């Protein structure tokens, strides 16, 4: 039987609340919001958690153009979550949707940008001490316009899975997954 020390849930409806399970009941630990957030950013649309590191996507944030997207990385000390770094795509542009999907494993973070170049991409970041830096940008080898490569992502140690829900591999919008 698997037992979890901490589990967090996100409710996205203009608020994000973080809950922990202890002694057979859930209680709110902290409510988080982007310090620079505005209406329509969709902060909390994607989340990933590994140990004391939490990643929150905001794929409509406008830092690099309308709906270019961002990701906030938080670290927990005791019962307090603090922003470690805000990430945006170094080549971010309007409608990239960076942060639509996030996955975290140890010191590696993967961020989907499903609208990048109208095909989609995935960014890989690695943490060194308290700083995150881009390691690689990944695109589909057979990328096509509207494929939405990076619409979903999953990461387990050394295996990355990327969803492309708009891919036409088996006909209109049939979708595909890259491993």
Foldseek 3Di string as FASTA:
>chain_A
DDDDQFDFDFDFDPWGWTWGDDPRDIDTLDTDDDPPDDPPQSWQLEWEDDDQKIKIWRQQDQPAHGSQIKMWIWGDDPSDIDTLDIDGDPPTHHQQSWRLEWEDDDQKIKTWRQCVVQFTKIWIWGDDPSDIDTDDIGGDPPTDHQQSWRNYWYDDPPDIKTWRQQDQPPHGSNIDMDD
